[in-house]
């Protein structure tokens, strides 16, 4: 499934799980996207192969699985 701007994602690099929201796709490298993982404005450039699209219901129902569960509400509210 393709990742798009504004979409919630599960970030799984192999050693942790974080909730993220795609701020925008990287215009210079189609294998990367800028993703919010915290409450601030900084978005990390992330490999798309580590991103799995999820919906808001999944994020809320499985909040305890995310290492950044403290920021879930703020991440969900972000607008790209």
PDB file of N, CA and C in Angstrom:
ATOM      1  N   UNK A   1       0.841  -1.188   0.000  1.00  0.00           N
ATOM      2  CA  UNK A   1       0.000   0.000   0.000  1.00  0.00           C
ATOM      3  C   UNK A   1       0.883   1.247   0.000  1.00  0.00           C
ATOM      4  N   UNK A   2       0.516   2.229  -0.778  1.00  0.00           N
ATOM      5  CA  UNK A   2       1.286   3.455  -0.919  1.00  0.00           C
ATOM      6  C   UNK A   2       1.053   4.403   0.261  1.00  0.00           C
ATOM      7  N   UNK A   3       2.129   5.027   0.708  1.00  0.00           N
ATOM      8  CA  UNK A   3       2.064   6.017   1.782  1.00  0.00           C
ATOM      9  C   UNK A   3       1.828   7.382   1.159  1.00  0.00           C
ATOM     10  N   UNK A   4       0.941   8.174   1.761  1.00  0.00           N
ATOM     11  CA  UNK A   4       0.611   9.505   1.244  1.00  0.00           C
ATOM     12  C   UNK A   4       0.679  10.547   2.348  1.00  0.00           C
ATOM     13  N   UNK A   5       0.806  11.808   1.969  1.00  0.00           N
ATOM     14  CA  UNK A   5       0.814  12.907   2.929  1.00  0.00           C
ATOM     15  C   UNK A   5      -0.483  12.902   3.727  1.00  0.00           C
ATOM     16  N   UNK A   6      -0.366  13.144   5.030  1.00  0.00           N
ATOM     17  CA  UNK A   6      -1.524  13.190   5.904  1.00  0.00           C
ATOM     18  C   UNK A   6      -1.925  11.848   6.489  1.00  0.00           C
ATOM     19  N   UNK A   7      -1.254  10.792   6.090  1.00  0.00           N
ATOM     20  CA  UNK A   7      -1.612   9.445   6.515  1.00  0.00           C
ATOM     21  C   UNK A   7      -0.898   9.045   7.806  1.00  0.00           C
ATOM     22  N   UNK A   8      -1.619   8.353   8.672  1.00  0.00           N
ATOM     23  CA  UNK A   8      -1.003   7.771   9.855  1.00  0.00           C
ATOM     24  C   UNK A   8      -0.241   6.525   9.433  1.00  0.00           C
ATOM     25  N   UNK A   9       0.907   6.302  10.076  1.00  0.00           N
ATOM     26  CA  UNK A   9       1.735   5.153   9.740  1.00  0.00           C
ATOM     27  C   UNK A   9       2.319   4.514  10.994  1.00  0.00           C
ATOM     28  N   UNK A  10       2.567   3.233  10.886  1.00  0.00           N
ATOM     29  CA  UNK A  10       3.353   2.506  11.869  1.00  0.00           C
ATOM     30  C   UNK A  10       4.781   2.516  11.349  1.00  0.00           C
ATOM     31  N   UNK A  11       5.706   2.987  12.161  1.00  0.00           N
ATOM     32  CA  UNK A  11       7.121   2.995  11.801  1.00  0.00           C
ATOM     33  C   UNK A  11       7.769   1.789  12.464  1.00  0.00           C
ATOM     34  N   UNK A  12       8.316   0.889  11.653  1.00  0.00           N
ATOM     35  CA  UNK A  12       8.940  -0.326  12.162  1.00  0.00           C
ATOM     36  C   UNK A  12      10.285  -0.537  11.471  1.00  0.00           C
ATOM     37  N   UNK A  13      11.370   0.004  12.084  1.00  0.00           N
ATOM     38  CA  UNK A  13      12.697  -0.192  11.515  1.00  0.00           C
ATOM     39  C   UNK A  13      13.341  -1.513  11.951  1.00  0.00           C
ATOM     40  N   UNK A  14      12.607  -2.296  12.752  1.00  0.00           N
ATOM     41  CA  UNK A  14      13.123  -3.586  13.196  1.00  0.00           C
ATOM     42  C   UNK A  14      13.479  -3.658  14.661  1.00  0.00           C
ATOM     43  N   UNK A  15      13.499  -2.515  15.351  1.00  0.00           N
ATOM     44  CA  UNK A  15      13.877  -2.538  16.764  1.00  0.00           C
ATOM     45  C   UNK A  15      12.887  -1.781  17.658  1.00  0.00           C
ATOM     46  N   UNK A  16      11.883  -1.123  17.065  1.00  0.00           N
ATOM     47  CA  UNK A  16      10.853  -0.423  17.834  1.00  0.00           C
ATOM     48  C   UNK A  16       9.667  -0.151  16.929  1.00  0.00           C
ATOM     49  N   UNK A  17       8.555   0.247  17.535  1.00  0.00           N
ATOM     50  CA  UNK A  17       7.367   0.663  16.788  1.00  0.00           C
ATOM     51  C   UNK A  17       6.966   2.047  17.257  1.00  0.00           C
ATOM     52  N   UNK A  18       6.791   2.964  16.323  1.00  0.00           N
ATOM     53  CA  UNK A  18       6.320   4.314  16.626  1.00  0.00           C
ATOM     54  C   UNK A  18       5.126   4.637  15.745  1.00  0.00           C
ATOM     55  N   UNK A  19       4.256   5.483  16.260  1.00  0.00           N
ATOM     56  CA  UNK A  19       3.182   6.046  15.448  1.00  0.00           C
ATOM     57  C   UNK A  19       3.737   7.290  14.770  1.00  0.00           C
ATOM     58  N   UNK A  20       3.411   7.466  13.513  1.00  0.00           N
ATOM     59  CA  UNK A  20       3.822   8.657  12.795  1.00  0.00           C
ATOM     60  C   UNK A  20       2.706   9.160  11.907  1.00  0.00           C
ATOM     61  N   UNK A  21       2.867  10.376  11.437  1.00  0.00           N
ATOM     62  CA  UNK A  21       1.955  10.949  10.455  1.00  0.00           C
ATOM     63  C   UNK A  21       2.802  11.594   9.374  1.00  0.00           C
ATOM     64  N   UNK A  22       2.523  11.231   8.138  1.00  0.00           N
ATOM     65  CA  UNK A  22       3.329  11.720   7.019  1.00  0.00           C
ATOM     66  C   UNK A  22       3.035  13.199   6.780  1.00  0.00           C
ATOM     67  N   UNK A  23       4.059  14.016   6.918  1.00  0.00           N
ATOM     68  CA  UNK A  23       3.936  15.444   6.640  1.00  0.00           C
ATOM     69  C   UNK A  23       3.937  15.666   5.130  1.00  0.00           C
ATOM     70  N   UNK A  24       4.908  15.046   4.448  1.00  0.00           N
ATOM     71  CA  UNK A  24       4.992  15.151   2.990  1.00  0.00           C
ATOM     72  C   UNK A  24       5.952  14.102   2.471  1.00  0.00           C
ATOM     73  N   UNK A  25       5.826  13.808   1.196  1.00  0.00           N
ATOM     74  CA  UNK A  25       6.760  12.910   0.547  1.00  0.00           C
ATOM     75  C   UNK A  25       8.013  13.692   0.182  1.00  0.00           C
ATOM     76  N   UNK A  26       9.149  13.015   0.125  1.00  0.00           N
ATOM     77  CA  UNK A  26      10.393  13.667  -0.232  1.00  0.00           C
ATOM     78  C   UNK A  26      10.406  13.877  -1.746  1.00  0.00           C
ATOM     79  N   UNK A  27      10.428  15.132  -2.219  1.00  0.00           N
ATOM     80  CA  UNK A  27      10.371  15.377  -3.667  1.00  0.00           C
ATOM     81  C   UNK A  27      11.651  14.980  -4.404  1.00  0.00           C
ATOM     82  N   UNK A  28      12.737  14.753  -3.675  1.00  0.00           N
ATOM     83  CA  UNK A  28      14.013  14.433  -4.300  1.00  0.00           C
ATOM     84  C   UNK A  28      14.354  12.949  -4.252  1.00  0.00           C
ATOM     85  N   UNK A  29      13.609  12.205  -3.440  1.00  0.00           N
ATOM     86  CA  UNK A  29      13.876  10.773  -3.283  1.00  0.00           C
ATOM     87  C   UNK A  29      12.558  10.069  -2.982  1.00  0.00           C
ATOM     88  N   UNK A  30      12.029   9.364  -3.958  1.00  0.00           N
ATOM     89  CA  UNK A  30      10.704   8.754  -3.810  1.00  0.00           C
ATOM     90  C   UNK A  30      10.682   7.580  -2.831  1.00  0.00           C
ATOM     91  N   UNK A  31      11.839   7.207  -2.296  1.00  0.00           N
ATOM     92  CA  UNK A  31      11.889   6.128  -1.309  1.00  0.00           C
ATOM     93  C   UNK A  31      11.819   6.647   0.126  1.00  0.00           C
ATOM     94  N   UNK A  32      11.613   7.959   0.273  1.00  0.00           N
ATOM     95  CA  UNK A  32      11.595   8.561   1.616  1.00  0.00           C
ATOM     96  C   UNK A  32      10.404   9.514   1.774  1.00  0.00           C
ATOM     97  N   UNK A  33      10.008   9.684   3.035  1.00  0.00           N
ATOM     98  CA  UNK A  33       8.938  10.626   3.382  1.00  0.00           C
ATOM     99  C   UNK A  33       9.322  11.337   4.666  1.00  0.00           C
ATOM    100  N   UNK A  34       8.810  12.546   4.841  1.00  0.00           N
ATOM    101  CA  UNK A  34       9.014  13.281   6.081  1.00  0.00           C
ATOM    102  C   UNK A  34       7.844  12.975   7.003  1.00  0.00           C
ATOM    103  N   UNK A  35       8.158  12.488   8.210  1.00  0.00           N
ATOM    104  CA  UNK A  35       7.135  11.975   9.123  1.00  0.00           C
ATOM    105  C   UNK A  35       7.276  12.614  10.496  1.00  0.00           C
ATOM    106  N   UNK A  36       6.130  13.020  11.058  1.00  0.00           N
ATOM    107  CA  UNK A  36       6.089  13.498  12.438  1.00  0.00           C
ATOM    108  C   UNK A  36       5.977  12.299  13.373  1.00  0.00           C
ATOM    109  N   UNK A  37       6.797  12.270  14.425  1.00  0.00           N
ATOM    110  CA  UNK A  37       6.725  11.218  15.439  1.00  0.00           C
ATOM    111  C   UNK A  37       6.508  11.769  16.841  1.00  0.00           C
ATOM    112  N   UNK A  38       6.570  13.090  16.983  1.00  0.00           N
ATOM    113  CA  UNK A  38       6.480  13.708  18.306  1.00  0.00           C
ATOM    114  C   UNK A  38       5.564  14.920  18.254  1.00  0.00           C
ATOM    115  N   UNK A  39       5.528  15.666  19.327  1.00  0.00           N
ATOM    116  CA  UNK A  39       4.610  16.791  19.434  1.00  0.00           C
ATOM    117  C   UNK A  39       5.114  18.049  18.738  1.00  0.00           C
ATOM    118  N   UNK A  40       6.389  18.123  18.413  1.00  0.00           N
ATOM    119  CA  UNK A  40       6.945  19.315  17.780  1.00  0.00           C
ATOM    120  C   UNK A  40       6.683  19.377  16.290  1.00  0.00           C
ATOM    121  N   UNK A  41       7.303  20.378  15.637  1.00  0.00           N
ATOM    122  CA  UNK A  41       7.110  20.597  14.207  1.00  0.00           C
ATOM    123  C   UNK A  41       8.112  19.856  13.327  1.00  0.00           C
ATOM    124  N   UNK A  42       9.156  19.292  13.929  1.00  0.00           N
ATOM    125  CA  UNK A  42      10.181  18.615  13.149  1.00  0.00           C
ATOM    126  C   UNK A  42       9.663  17.276  12.609  1.00  0.00           C
ATOM    127  N   UNK A  43       9.886  17.046  11.327  1.00  0.00           N
ATOM    128  CA  UNK A  43       9.519  15.783  10.695  1.00  0.00           C
ATOM    129  C   UNK A  43      10.805  15.097  10.239  1.00  0.00           C
ATOM    130  N   UNK A  44      10.923  13.826  10.556  1.00  0.00           N
ATOM    131  CA  UNK A  44      12.124  13.063  10.221  1.00  0.00           C
ATOM    132  C   UNK A  44      12.010  12.451   8.832  1.00  0.00           C
ATOM    133  N   UNK A  45      13.100  12.528   8.079  1.00  0.00           N
ATOM    134  CA  UNK A  45      13.156  11.892   6.764  1.00  0.00           C
ATOM    135  C   UNK A  45      13.310  10.389   6.997  1.00  0.00           C
ATOM    136  N   UNK A  46      12.324   9.628   6.539  1.00  0.00           N
ATOM    137  CA  UNK A  46      12.205   8.212   6.887  1.00  0.00           C
ATOM    138  C   UNK A  46      12.106   7.355   5.628  1.00  0.00           C
ATOM    139  N   UNK A  47      12.747   6.206   5.663  1.00  0.00           N
ATOM    140  CA  UNK A  47      12.642   5.249   4.558  1.00  0.00           C
ATOM    141  C   UNK A  47      11.219   4.715   4.470  1.00  0.00           C
ATOM    142  N   UNK A  48      10.636   4.766   3.297  1.00  0.00           N
ATOM    143  CA  UNK A  48       9.260   4.278   3.104  1.00  0.00           C
ATOM    144  C   UNK A  48       9.136   2.791   3.401  1.00  0.00           C
ATOM    145  N   UNK A  49      10.203   2.038   3.224  1.00  0.00           N
ATOM    146  CA  UNK A  49      10.128   0.598   3.478  1.00  0.00           C
ATOM    147  C   UNK A  49       9.870   0.287   4.954  1.00  0.00           C
ATOM    148  N   UNK A  50      10.052   1.274   5.830  1.00  0.00           N
ATOM    149  CA  UNK A  50       9.800   1.095   7.265  1.00  0.00           C
ATOM    150  C   UNK A  50       8.429   1.618   7.688  1.00  0.00           C
ATOM    151  N   UNK A  51       7.627   2.113   6.745  1.00  0.00           N
ATOM    152  CA  UNK A  51       6.330   2.721   7.051  1.00  0.00           C
ATOM    153  C   UNK A  51       5.185   1.827   6.584  1.00  0.00           C
ATOM    154  N   UNK A  52       4.210   1.654   7.471  1.00  0.00           N
ATOM    155  CA  UNK A  52       3.035   0.834   7.173  1.00  0.00           C
ATOM    156  C   UNK A  52       1.784   1.646   7.468  1.00  0.00           C
ATOM    157  N   UNK A  53       0.965   1.933   6.467  1.00  0.00           N
ATOM    158  CA  UNK A  53      -0.237   2.745   6.669  1.00  0.00           C
ATOM    159  C   UNK A  53      -1.191   2.087   7.672  1.00  0.00           C
ATOM    160  N   UNK A  54      -1.731   2.905   8.569  1.00  0.00           N
ATOM    161  CA  UNK A  54      -2.738   2.456   9.535  1.00  0.00           C
ATOM    162  C   UNK A  54      -3.823   3.518   9.611  1.00  0.00           C
ATOM    163  N   UNK A  55      -4.921   3.194  10.262  1.00  0.00           N
ATOM    164  CA  UNK A  55      -5.967   4.194  10.438  1.00  0.00           C
ATOM    165  C   UNK A  55      -6.018   4.651  11.895  1.00  0.00           C
ATOM    166  N   UNK A  56      -6.795   5.688  12.132  1.00  0.00           N
ATOM    167  CA  UNK A  56      -6.886   6.275  13.463  1.00  0.00           C
ATOM    168  C   UNK A  56      -7.421   5.276  14.490  1.00  0.00           C
ATOM    169  N   UNK A  57      -8.385   4.478  14.094  1.00  0.00           N
ATOM    170  CA  UNK A  57      -8.962   3.482  15.006  1.00  0.00           C
ATOM    171  C   UNK A  57      -7.885   2.500  15.470  1.00  0.00           C
ATOM    172  N   UNK A  58      -7.067   2.008  14.540  1.00  0.00           N
ATOM    173  CA  UNK A  58      -5.986   1.098  14.903  1.00  0.00           C
ATOM    174  C   UNK A  58      -5.020   1.784  15.869  1.00  0.00           C
ATOM    175  N   UNK A  59      -4.643   3.026  15.568  1.00  0.00           N
ATOM    176  CA  UNK A  59      -3.701   3.755  16.422  1.00  0.00           C
ATOM    177  C   UNK A  59      -4.236   3.889  17.846  1.00  0.00           C
ATOM    178  N   UNK A  60      -5.488   4.228  17.988  1.00  0.00           N
ATOM    179  CA  UNK A  60      -6.074   4.398  19.329  1.00  0.00           C
ATOM    180  C   UNK A  60      -6.241   3.054  20.049  1.00  0.00           C
ATOM    181  N   UNK A  61      -6.684   2.027  19.316  1.00  0.00           N
ATOM    182  CA  UNK A  61      -6.924   0.722  19.937  1.00  0.00           C
ATOM    183  C   UNK A  61      -5.639  -0.010  20.316  1.00  0.00           C
ATOM    184  N   UNK A  62      -4.528   0.361  19.690  1.00  0.00           N
ATOM    185  CA  UNK A  62      -3.253  -0.310  19.947  1.00  0.00           C
ATOM    186  C   UNK A  62      -2.195   0.667  20.466  1.00  0.00           C
ATOM    187  N   UNK A  63      -2.622   1.689  21.161  1.00  0.00           N
ATOM    188  CA  UNK A  63      -1.711   2.737  21.639  1.00  0.00           C
ATOM    189  C   UNK A  63      -0.531   2.186  22.441  1.00  0.00           C
ATOM    190  N   UNK A  64      -0.768   1.146  23.222  1.00  0.00           N
ATOM    191  CA  UNK A  64       0.299   0.618  24.081  1.00  0.00           C
ATOM    192  C   UNK A  64       1.449  -0.028  23.312  1.00  0.00           C
ATOM    193  N   UNK A  65       1.267  -0.319  22.047  1.00  0.00           N
ATOM    194  CA  UNK A  65       2.337  -0.945  21.275  1.00  0.00           C
ATOM    195  C   UNK A  65       3.368   0.074  20.778  1.00  0.00           C
ATOM    196  N   UNK A  66       3.023   1.372  20.821  1.00  0.00           N
ATOM    197  CA  UNK A  66       3.913   2.403  20.291  1.00  0.00           C
ATOM    198  C   UNK A  66       4.855   2.929  21.364  1.00  0.00           C
ATOM    199  N   UNK A  67       6.132   3.050  21.022  1.00  0.00           N
ATOM    200  CA  UNK A  67       7.105   3.617  21.954  1.00  0.00           C
ATOM    201  C   UNK A  67       6.808   5.084  22.247  1.00  0.00           C
ATOM    202  N   UNK A  68       6.160   5.770  21.318  1.00  0.00           N
ATOM    203  CA  UNK A  68       5.834   7.186  21.492  1.00  0.00           C
ATOM    204  C   UNK A  68       4.352   7.393  21.825  1.00  0.00           C
ATOM    205  N   UNK A  69       3.782   6.483  22.596  1.00  0.00           N
ATOM    206  CA  UNK A  69       2.348   6.545  22.905  1.00  0.00           C
ATOM    207  C   UNK A  69       1.941   7.836  23.621  1.00  0.00           C
ATOM    208  N   UNK A  70       2.871   8.486  24.287  1.00  0.00           N
ATOM    209  CA  UNK A  70       2.593   9.752  24.971  1.00  0.00           C
ATOM    210  C   UNK A  70       2.174  10.851  23.987  1.00  0.00           C
ATOM    211  N   UNK A  71       2.515  10.717  22.712  1.00  0.00           N
ATOM    212  CA  UNK A  71       2.272  11.773  21.724  1.00  0.00           C
ATOM    213  C   UNK A  71       1.156  11.434  20.739  1.00  0.00           C
ATOM    214  N   UNK A  72       0.439  10.355  20.958  1.00  0.00           N
ATOM    215  CA  UNK A  72      -0.544   9.898  19.969  1.00  0.00           C
ATOM    216  C   UNK A  72      -1.581  10.960  19.629  1.00  0.00           C
ATOM    217  N   UNK A  73      -2.175  11.579  20.611  1.00  0.00           N
ATOM    218  CA  UNK A  73      -3.222  12.578  20.340  1.00  0.00           C
ATOM    219  C   UNK A  73      -2.686  13.741  19.519  1.00  0.00           C
ATOM    220  N   UNK A  74      -1.495  14.219  19.857  1.00  0.00           N
ATOM    221  CA  UNK A  74      -0.902  15.338  19.131  1.00  0.00           C
ATOM    222  C   UNK A  74      -0.552  14.949  17.693  1.00  0.00           C
ATOM    223  N   UNK A  75      -0.066  13.733  17.499  1.00  0.00           N
ATOM    224  CA  UNK A  75       0.297  13.272  16.164  1.00  0.00           C
ATOM    225  C   UNK A  75      -0.959  13.153  15.295  1.00  0.00           C
ATOM    226  N   UNK A  76      -2.015  12.589  15.837  1.00  0.00           N
ATOM    227  CA  UNK A  76      -3.260  12.425  15.089  1.00  0.00           C
ATOM    228  C   UNK A  76      -3.808  13.773  14.633  1.00  0.00           C
ATOM    229  N   UNK A  77      -3.684  14.796  15.464  1.00  0.00           N
ATOM    230  CA  UNK A  77      -4.233  16.127  15.159  1.00  0.00           C
ATOM    231  C   UNK A  77      -3.435  16.912  14.126  1.00  0.00           C
ATOM    232  N   UNK A  78      -2.190  16.531  13.881  1.00  0.00           N
ATOM    233  CA  UNK A  78      -1.338  17.289  12.950  1.00  0.00           C
ATOM    234  C   UNK A  78      -1.941  17.316  11.552  1.00  0.00           C
ATOM    235  N   UNK A  79      -1.756  18.448  10.884  1.00  0.00           N
ATOM    236  CA  UNK A  79      -2.259  18.608   9.520  1.00  0.00           C
ATOM    237  C   UNK A  79      -1.101  18.904   8.588  1.00  0.00           C
ATOM    238  N   UNK A  80      -1.068  18.177   7.481  1.00  0.00           N
ATOM    239  CA  UNK A  80       0.044  18.358   6.525  1.00  0.00           C
ATOM    240  C   UNK A  80      -0.291  19.442   5.521  1.00  0.00           C
TER     241      UNK A  80
END
